[in-house]
């Protein structure tokens, strides 16, 4: 993610595991703000609303079951564009 990039508030239909590889991200989830450092891992539960912000340019490894779908606040559901 480029520095300052922010995704929309959304929910996933599957659990995700994020491992921050470099840079800094901020994760808003469940009324909390988490700021994992490179090497940290986060488990984001299915159905929990979250928003991801790149505090600095960042790279993360994200794992979930195949063909996850995202639902945004406007009710739109779609496959993740990067999870083909």
Protein backbone atom coordinates (compact mmCIF):
# COMPACT_ATOMS: atom_id res chain seq x y z
CA UNK A 1 0.00 0.00 0.00
CA UNK A 2 1.22 3.48 -0.80
CA UNK A 3 1.73 5.88 2.10
CA UNK A 4 -1.59 7.44 3.09
CA UNK A 5 -3.68 4.87 1.20
CA UNK A 6 -6.83 3.85 3.08
CA UNK A 7 -9.35 1.19 2.27
CA UNK A 8 -13.08 1.54 2.85
CA UNK A 9 -14.73 0.24 5.98
CA UNK A 10 -15.63 -3.34 5.09
CA UNK A 11 -16.30 -6.87 6.31
CA UNK A 12 -14.85 -10.12 5.03
CA UNK A 13 -16.74 -13.39 4.78
CA UNK A 14 -13.67 -15.36 5.96
CA UNK A 15 -11.05 -14.91 8.66
CA UNK A 16 -7.82 -13.30 7.45
CA UNK A 17 -4.29 -13.47 8.83
CA UNK A 18 -2.07 -10.48 8.09
CA UNK A 19 1.72 -10.46 8.55
CA UNK A 20 3.26 -7.01 8.19
CA UNK A 21 6.42 -7.31 6.10
CA UNK A 22 7.51 -3.65 5.98
CA UNK A 23 6.22 -0.18 6.75
CA UNK A 24 3.45 0.79 9.14
CA UNK A 25 -0.27 0.16 8.91
CA UNK A 26 -3.15 1.10 11.16
CA UNK A 27 -6.08 -1.30 11.48
CA UNK A 28 -9.42 -0.08 12.85
CA UNK A 29 -11.40 -3.11 14.00
CA UNK A 30 -14.02 -3.68 16.67
CA UNK A 31 -13.74 -0.15 18.03
CA UNK A 32 -9.97 -0.50 18.48
CA UNK A 33 -7.00 0.79 16.52
CA UNK A 34 -4.07 -1.61 16.13
CA UNK A 35 -0.67 -0.57 14.75
CA UNK A 36 1.31 -3.73 14.07
CA UNK A 37 5.03 -3.45 13.33
CA UNK A 38 6.94 -5.41 10.69
CA UNK A 39 7.02 -9.06 11.77
CA UNK A 40 3.74 -8.80 13.69
CA UNK A 41 0.78 -10.98 12.74
CA UNK A 42 -2.92 -10.14 13.14
CA UNK A 43 -5.91 -12.44 12.87
CA UNK A 44 -8.95 -10.51 11.64
CA UNK A 45 -12.17 -12.45 12.27
CA UNK A 46 -14.84 -12.99 9.65
CA UNK A 47 -17.68 -10.48 9.81
CA UNK A 48 -15.76 -7.86 11.83
CA UNK A 49 -15.83 -4.40 10.27
CA UNK A 50 -12.34 -3.15 9.57
CA UNK A 51 -10.47 -0.36 7.79
CA UNK A 52 -6.80 -0.47 6.85
CA UNK A 53 -4.60 2.64 6.54
CA UNK A 54 -0.99 2.75 5.34
CA UNK A 55 0.73 5.11 7.79
CA UNK A 56 3.89 4.72 5.67
CA UNK A 57 4.37 2.75 2.47
CA UNK A 58 3.65 -0.80 3.61
CA UNK A 59 3.66 -4.39 2.47
CA UNK A 60 1.84 -7.29 4.13
CA UNK A 61 1.25 -10.96 3.46
CA UNK A 62 -2.48 -11.69 3.75
CA UNK A 63 -3.87 -15.20 3.98
CA UNK A 64 -7.48 -16.40 3.83
CA UNK A 65 -9.45 -19.24 2.29
CA UNK A 66 -9.79 -19.14 -1.49
CA UNK A 67 -12.24 -16.71 -3.12
CA UNK A 68 -12.95 -14.39 -0.17
CA UNK A 69 -15.63 -11.74 -0.62
CA UNK A 70 -15.72 -8.24 0.81
CA UNK A 71 -18.85 -6.29 1.79
CA UNK A 72 -18.64 -2.50 2.08
CA UNK A 73 -20.86 -0.13 4.06
CA UNK A 74 -23.03 0.51 0.98
CA UNK A 75 -23.94 -3.20 0.98
CA UNK A 76 -21.94 -4.02 -2.13
CA UNK A 77 -20.36 -7.48 -2.05
CA UNK A 78 -17.57 -8.44 -4.44
CA UNK A 79 -14.48 -10.61 -4.69
CA UNK A 80 -11.23 -9.01 -3.57
CA UNK A 81 -9.48 -7.59 -6.66
CA UNK A 82 -6.05 -8.88 -5.55
CA UNK A 83 -7.20 -12.36 -4.47
CA UNK A 84 -7.64 -13.96 -7.86
